[in-house]
Amino acid sequence: MSGLRRILLYGDSVVLGSVGASLGRAAGFELVRLRAARPTAAELRAARPDVILFDIENDHPRAAFRLLEDDPDLLLLGISPDVNLVRLWEGRQYRELTADALATLIAGGAGQRSTSDGKEGAA
């Protein structure tokens, strides 16, 4: 499975399931569904994610935000289905992206992050 981007789906909302199904059909991604209601940072770290996806309306992964402190390469993506918006936390930076840019951002890795459309701001 070398070279695959490991995406952790945090939560079980319909929106997250739909996004996960779409990403599951795309090449280059390994999807891991997290079933724990309130996982610890250690549980998240054990899953070794490159990306953590969550539904902003239903879930707020405090442990994932703690993981950002230790892993600046981790992408934390919150999806807001009501406004077709993706919020990205990367290290101490935060930006908003359209949902259309989500798969491109994840697949592109670090080289694509700085060129994505969006607003940057402090976390």
N, C-alpha and C. Protein backbone atom coordinates (compact mmCIF):
# COMPACT_ATOMS: atom_id res chain seq x y z
N MET A 1 0.81 -1.20 0.00
CA MET A 1 0.00 0.00 0.00
C MET A 1 0.85 1.26 0.00
N SER A 2 2.10 1.13 -0.33
CA SER A 2 3.00 2.26 -0.34
C SER A 2 2.52 3.32 -1.33
N GLY A 3 2.65 4.60 -0.93
CA GLY A 3 2.26 5.68 -1.81
C GLY A 3 0.81 6.11 -1.68
N LEU A 4 0.00 5.33 -0.98
CA LEU A 4 -1.39 5.72 -0.78
C LEU A 4 -1.50 6.77 0.32
N ARG A 5 -2.38 7.73 0.12
CA ARG A 5 -2.66 8.72 1.16
C ARG A 5 -3.72 8.12 2.07
N ARG A 6 -3.44 8.01 3.36
CA ARG A 6 -4.37 7.41 4.31
C ARG A 6 -5.31 8.49 4.84
N ILE A 7 -6.60 8.30 4.58
CA ILE A 7 -7.62 9.26 4.98
C ILE A 7 -8.46 8.65 6.09
N LEU A 8 -8.51 9.31 7.22
CA LEU A 8 -9.30 8.87 8.35
C LEU A 8 -10.63 9.61 8.33
N LEU A 9 -11.73 8.87 8.23
CA LEU A 9 -13.07 9.46 8.26
C LEU A 9 -13.54 9.46 9.71
N TYR A 10 -13.64 10.63 10.29
CA TYR A 10 -13.95 10.80 11.70
C TYR A 10 -15.45 11.10 11.83
N GLY A 11 -16.21 10.12 12.25
CA GLY A 11 -17.64 10.30 12.41
C GLY A 11 -18.42 9.44 11.45
N ASP A 12 -19.74 9.51 11.55
CA ASP A 12 -20.57 8.65 10.72
C ASP A 12 -21.74 9.40 10.09
N SER A 13 -21.57 10.68 9.80
CA SER A 13 -22.65 11.45 9.19
C SER A 13 -22.84 11.02 7.73
N VAL A 14 -24.01 11.31 7.20
CA VAL A 14 -24.33 10.99 5.81
C VAL A 14 -23.37 11.72 4.87
N VAL A 15 -23.10 12.97 5.16
CA VAL A 15 -22.20 13.77 4.32
C VAL A 15 -20.81 13.14 4.28
N LEU A 16 -20.30 12.79 5.43
CA LEU A 16 -18.98 12.18 5.49
C LEU A 16 -18.96 10.84 4.75
N GLY A 17 -20.03 10.07 4.88
CA GLY A 17 -20.13 8.81 4.15
C GLY A 17 -20.11 9.02 2.65
N SER A 18 -20.79 10.05 2.17
CA SER A 18 -20.82 10.35 0.74
C SER A 18 -19.45 10.78 0.23
N VAL A 19 -18.79 11.63 0.97
CA VAL A 19 -17.44 12.07 0.58
C VAL A 19 -16.49 10.88 0.60
N GLY A 20 -16.61 10.05 1.63
CA GLY A 20 -15.77 8.86 1.72
C GLY A 20 -15.99 7.91 0.55
N ALA A 21 -17.24 7.73 0.16
CA ALA A 21 -17.54 6.86 -0.99
C ALA A 21 -16.92 7.41 -2.27
N SER A 22 -16.98 8.71 -2.45
CA SER A 22 -16.37 9.33 -3.64
C SER A 22 -14.85 9.16 -3.63
N LEU A 23 -14.24 9.40 -2.49
CA LEU A 23 -12.79 9.25 -2.40
C LEU A 23 -12.38 7.79 -2.53
N GLY A 24 -13.23 6.88 -2.07
CA GLY A 24 -12.93 5.46 -2.17
C GLY A 24 -12.86 4.97 -3.60
N ARG A 25 -13.55 5.65 -4.51
CA ARG A 25 -13.51 5.29 -5.93
C ARG A 25 -12.30 5.88 -6.64
N ALA A 26 -11.65 6.83 -6.01
CA ALA A 26 -10.48 7.47 -6.62
C ALA A 26 -9.21 6.69 -6.29
N ALA A 27 -8.29 6.66 -7.22
CA ALA A 27 -7.03 5.96 -7.00
C ALA A 27 -6.13 6.75 -6.05
N GLY A 28 -5.33 6.05 -5.29
CA GLY A 28 -4.32 6.70 -4.46
C GLY A 28 -4.72 6.95 -3.02
N PHE A 29 -5.92 6.54 -2.64
CA PHE A 29 -6.38 6.79 -1.28
C PHE A 29 -6.67 5.48 -0.55
N GLU A 30 -6.33 5.43 0.71
CA GLU A 30 -6.74 4.33 1.59
C GLU A 30 -7.65 4.95 2.64
N LEU A 31 -8.89 4.50 2.70
CA LEU A 31 -9.85 5.05 3.65
C LEU A 31 -9.90 4.20 4.91
N VAL A 32 -9.92 4.88 6.05
CA VAL A 32 -10.06 4.23 7.35
C VAL A 32 -11.21 4.92 8.06
N ARG A 33 -12.23 4.15 8.45
CA ARG A 33 -13.37 4.72 9.17
C ARG A 33 -13.13 4.58 10.67
N LEU A 34 -13.28 5.67 11.37
CA LEU A 34 -13.11 5.67 12.82
C LEU A 34 -14.49 5.56 13.45
N ARG A 35 -14.69 4.55 14.24
CA ARG A 35 -16.00 4.32 14.85
C ARG A 35 -16.09 4.81 16.29
N ALA A 36 -14.96 5.07 16.94
CA ALA A 36 -14.97 5.52 18.33
C ALA A 36 -15.64 6.88 18.45
N ALA A 37 -16.48 7.05 19.46
CA ALA A 37 -17.21 8.31 19.63
C ALA A 37 -16.28 9.47 19.99
N ARG A 38 -15.38 9.25 20.90
CA ARG A 38 -14.44 10.30 21.32
C ARG A 38 -13.04 9.70 21.43
N PRO A 39 -12.37 9.52 20.29
CA PRO A 39 -11.04 8.90 20.33
C PRO A 39 -10.01 9.82 20.98
N THR A 40 -9.00 9.21 21.52
CA THR A 40 -7.89 9.98 22.09
C THR A 40 -6.89 10.30 20.98
N ALA A 41 -5.98 11.20 21.26
CA ALA A 41 -4.94 11.53 20.29
C ALA A 41 -4.10 10.29 19.99
N ALA A 42 -3.87 9.44 21.00
CA ALA A 42 -3.09 8.21 20.79
C ALA A 42 -3.81 7.26 19.83
N GLU A 43 -5.13 7.16 19.94
CA GLU A 43 -5.89 6.30 19.02
C GLU A 43 -5.82 6.85 17.60
N LEU A 44 -5.91 8.14 17.46
CA LEU A 44 -5.79 8.75 16.12
C LEU A 44 -4.40 8.55 15.56
N ARG A 45 -3.39 8.77 16.38
CA ARG A 45 -1.99 8.61 15.94
C ARG A 45 -1.74 7.17 15.49
N ALA A 46 -2.33 6.20 16.19
CA ALA A 46 -2.14 4.79 15.84
C ALA A 46 -2.70 4.46 14.45
N ALA A 47 -3.68 5.22 13.99
CA ALA A 47 -4.24 5.01 12.65
C ALA A 47 -3.33 5.56 11.55
N ARG A 48 -2.31 6.34 11.93
CA ARG A 48 -1.33 6.92 11.01
C ARG A 48 -1.96 7.65 9.83
N PRO A 49 -2.86 8.59 10.07
CA PRO A 49 -3.52 9.28 8.95
C PRO A 49 -2.64 10.36 8.33
N ASP A 50 -2.83 10.56 7.03
CA ASP A 50 -2.26 11.72 6.34
C ASP A 50 -3.28 12.85 6.36
N VAL A 51 -4.56 12.44 6.38
CA VAL A 51 -5.68 13.37 6.33
C VAL A 51 -6.75 12.88 7.29
N ILE A 52 -7.35 13.80 8.04
CA ILE A 52 -8.52 13.47 8.86
C ILE A 52 -9.68 14.32 8.35
N LEU A 53 -10.75 13.66 7.93
CA LEU A 53 -11.96 14.33 7.44
C LEU A 53 -13.05 14.24 8.50
N PHE A 54 -13.74 15.36 8.75
CA PHE A 54 -14.88 15.32 9.67
C PHE A 54 -15.95 16.29 9.22
N ASP A 55 -17.17 16.04 9.64
CA ASP A 55 -18.33 16.89 9.34
C ASP A 55 -18.40 17.96 10.43
N ILE A 56 -18.22 19.21 10.04
CA ILE A 56 -18.20 20.32 11.00
C ILE A 56 -19.51 20.40 11.78
N GLU A 57 -20.61 20.07 11.13
CA GLU A 57 -21.92 20.18 11.78
C GLU A 57 -22.15 19.12 12.85
N ASN A 58 -21.51 17.95 12.73
CA ASN A 58 -21.77 16.85 13.64
C ASN A 58 -20.62 16.48 14.57
N ASP A 59 -19.41 16.70 14.16
CA ASP A 59 -18.25 16.23 14.91
C ASP A 59 -17.25 17.36 15.12
N HIS A 60 -16.56 17.31 16.23
CA HIS A 60 -15.46 18.26 16.48
C HIS A 60 -14.34 17.48 17.14
N PRO A 61 -13.38 17.03 16.36
CA PRO A 61 -12.33 16.14 16.87
C PRO A 61 -11.22 16.87 17.63
N ARG A 62 -11.47 17.13 18.89
CA ARG A 62 -10.45 17.82 19.70
C ARG A 62 -9.11 17.09 19.68
N ALA A 63 -9.15 15.76 19.73
CA ALA A 63 -7.91 14.99 19.72
C ALA A 63 -7.14 15.20 18.42
N ALA A 64 -7.84 15.36 17.33
CA ALA A 64 -7.17 15.59 16.04
C ALA A 64 -6.46 16.94 16.04
N PHE A 65 -7.05 17.93 16.66
CA PHE A 65 -6.37 19.23 16.74
C PHE A 65 -5.10 19.12 17.57
N ARG A 66 -5.11 18.29 18.62
CA ARG A 66 -3.89 18.07 19.39
C ARG A 66 -2.83 17.37 18.55
N LEU A 67 -3.27 16.49 17.66
CA LEU A 67 -2.34 15.78 16.78
C LEU A 67 -1.61 16.74 15.84
N LEU A 68 -2.27 17.82 15.45
CA LEU A 68 -1.64 18.81 14.57
C LEU A 68 -0.38 19.41 15.19
N GLU A 69 -0.37 19.52 16.52
CA GLU A 69 0.79 20.09 17.19
C GLU A 69 2.03 19.22 16.99
N ASP A 70 1.83 17.89 16.93
CA ASP A 70 2.94 16.96 16.78
C ASP A 70 3.26 16.65 15.32
N ASP A 71 2.30 16.82 14.43
CA ASP A 71 2.47 16.44 13.04
C ASP A 71 2.03 17.57 12.12
N PRO A 72 2.93 18.48 11.79
CA PRO A 72 2.56 19.63 10.95
C PRO A 72 2.17 19.25 9.52
N ASP A 73 2.47 18.02 9.08
CA ASP A 73 2.10 17.59 7.74
C ASP A 73 0.68 17.03 7.67
N LEU A 74 0.06 16.82 8.81
CA LEU A 74 -1.30 16.30 8.85
C LEU A 74 -2.27 17.34 8.30
N LEU A 75 -3.22 16.89 7.48
CA LEU A 75 -4.29 17.76 7.01
C LEU A 75 -5.54 17.42 7.80
N LEU A 76 -6.16 18.40 8.38
CA LEU A 76 -7.42 18.24 9.10
C LEU A 76 -8.46 19.01 8.31
N LEU A 77 -9.44 18.28 7.74
CA LEU A 77 -10.44 18.88 6.86
C LEU A 77 -11.82 18.75 7.46
N GLY A 78 -12.44 19.89 7.73
CA GLY A 78 -13.82 19.91 8.20
C GLY A 78 -14.74 20.29 7.06
N ILE A 79 -15.75 19.47 6.82
CA ILE A 79 -16.68 19.70 5.72
C ILE A 79 -17.95 20.31 6.26
N SER A 80 -18.37 21.42 5.68
CA SER A 80 -19.63 22.07 6.05
C SER A 80 -20.59 21.93 4.88
N PRO A 81 -21.47 20.94 4.92
CA PRO A 81 -22.31 20.64 3.77
C PRO A 81 -23.33 21.72 3.43
N ASP A 82 -23.76 22.48 4.39
CA ASP A 82 -24.78 23.50 4.15
C ASP A 82 -24.30 24.62 3.24
N VAL A 83 -23.01 24.90 3.27
CA VAL A 83 -22.49 26.03 2.49
C VAL A 83 -21.44 25.61 1.46
N ASN A 84 -21.32 24.30 1.18
CA ASN A 84 -20.37 23.80 0.20
C ASN A 84 -18.97 24.33 0.48
N LEU A 85 -18.53 24.13 1.71
CA LEU A 85 -17.27 24.69 2.16
C LEU A 85 -16.45 23.63 2.87
N VAL A 86 -15.14 23.69 2.66
CA VAL A 86 -14.21 22.82 3.36
C VAL A 86 -13.26 23.72 4.14
N ARG A 87 -13.10 23.42 5.41
CA ARG A 87 -12.14 24.16 6.24
C ARG A 87 -10.93 23.29 6.46
N LEU A 88 -9.77 23.85 6.21
CA LEU A 88 -8.51 23.12 6.29
C LEU A 88 -7.66 23.69 7.42
N TRP A 89 -7.21 22.81 8.30
CA TRP A 89 -6.22 23.18 9.31
C TRP A 89 -4.96 22.41 8.99
N GLU A 90 -3.86 23.14 8.90
CA GLU A 90 -2.56 22.55 8.57
C GLU A 90 -1.53 23.24 9.44
N GLY A 91 -0.97 22.50 10.38
CA GLY A 91 -0.07 23.13 11.34
C GLY A 91 -0.81 24.22 12.09
N ARG A 92 -0.32 25.43 12.03
CA ARG A 92 -0.99 26.55 12.69
C ARG A 92 -1.77 27.42 11.71
N GLN A 93 -1.86 26.99 10.47
CA GLN A 93 -2.59 27.75 9.45
C GLN A 93 -3.97 27.18 9.22
N TYR A 94 -4.87 28.04 8.79
CA TYR A 94 -6.25 27.66 8.52
C TYR A 94 -6.69 28.35 7.24
N ARG A 95 -7.43 27.65 6.40
CA ARG A 95 -8.00 28.28 5.21
C ARG A 95 -9.31 27.60 4.83
N GLU A 96 -10.08 28.30 4.04
CA GLU A 96 -11.34 27.77 3.57
C GLU A 96 -11.23 27.49 2.08
N LEU A 97 -11.77 26.34 1.67
CA LEU A 97 -11.71 25.91 0.27
C LEU A 97 -13.10 25.53 -0.20
N THR A 98 -13.32 25.58 -1.49
CA THR A 98 -14.56 25.04 -2.01
C THR A 98 -14.45 23.52 -2.00
N ALA A 99 -15.58 22.85 -1.96
CA ALA A 99 -15.59 21.39 -1.94
C ALA A 99 -14.97 20.82 -3.21
N ASP A 100 -15.04 21.55 -4.32
CA ASP A 100 -14.47 21.07 -5.58
C ASP A 100 -12.96 20.88 -5.51
N ALA A 101 -12.29 21.59 -4.64
CA ALA A 101 -10.83 21.50 -4.53
C ALA A 101 -10.37 20.40 -3.58
N LEU A 102 -11.29 19.71 -2.90
CA LEU A 102 -10.94 18.76 -1.86
C LEU A 102 -10.07 17.60 -2.36
N ALA A 103 -10.51 16.85 -3.35
CA ALA A 103 -9.75 15.69 -3.83
C ALA A 103 -8.40 16.10 -4.39
N THR A 104 -8.34 17.23 -5.09
CA THR A 104 -7.08 17.71 -5.64
C THR A 104 -6.10 18.04 -4.53
N LEU A 105 -6.58 18.66 -3.48
CA LEU A 105 -5.73 19.01 -2.34
C LEU A 105 -5.17 17.77 -1.68
N ILE A 106 -6.03 16.80 -1.41
CA ILE A 106 -5.60 15.59 -0.73
C ILE A 106 -4.59 14.82 -1.59
N ALA A 107 -4.89 14.67 -2.85
CA ALA A 107 -4.02 13.91 -3.75
C ALA A 107 -2.68 14.61 -3.98
N GLY A 108 -2.70 15.94 -3.98
CA GLY A 108 -1.50 16.69 -4.30
C GLY A 108 -0.45 16.73 -3.23
N GLY A 109 -0.83 16.53 -1.99
CA GLY A 109 0.13 16.55 -0.90
C GLY A 109 0.66 17.95 -0.64
N ALA A 110 1.80 18.01 -0.01
CA ALA A 110 2.35 19.27 0.47
C ALA A 110 2.64 20.25 -0.64
N GLY A 111 3.05 19.79 -1.82
CA GLY A 111 3.39 20.69 -2.91
C GLY A 111 2.20 21.48 -3.41
N GLN A 112 0.99 20.96 -3.28
CA GLN A 112 -0.20 21.63 -3.77
C GLN A 112 -0.85 22.53 -2.73
N ARG A 113 -0.51 22.35 -1.48
CA ARG A 113 -1.22 23.05 -0.42
C ARG A 113 -1.15 24.56 -0.55
N SER A 114 0.02 25.09 -0.84
CA SER A 114 0.18 26.53 -0.86
C SER A 114 -0.44 27.18 -2.08
N THR A 115 -0.79 26.40 -3.11
CA THR A 115 -1.36 26.99 -4.31
C THR A 115 -2.85 26.84 -4.39
N SER A 116 -3.48 26.24 -3.39
CA SER A 116 -4.93 26.04 -3.40
C SER A 116 -5.65 27.35 -3.21
N ASP A 117 -6.81 27.48 -3.87
CA ASP A 117 -7.63 28.68 -3.67
C ASP A 117 -8.18 28.63 -2.26
N GLY A 118 -8.21 29.77 -1.63
CA GLY A 118 -8.79 29.82 -0.30
C GLY A 118 -8.25 30.98 0.48
N LYS A 119 -8.79 31.14 1.67
CA LYS A 119 -8.36 32.20 2.56
C LYS A 119 -7.46 31.60 3.63
N GLU A 120 -6.40 32.28 3.97
CA GLU A 120 -5.54 31.80 5.04
C GLU A 120 -5.75 32.67 6.25
N GLY A 121 -5.56 32.07 7.41
CA GLY A 121 -5.70 32.80 8.65
C GLY A 121 -5.13 32.00 9.78
N ALA A 122 -5.10 32.56 10.93
CA ALA A 122 -4.59 31.87 12.11
C ALA A 122 -5.61 30.87 12.59
N ALA A 123 -5.12 29.76 13.13
CA ALA A 123 -6.01 28.74 13.67
C ALA A 123 -6.58 29.15 14.99
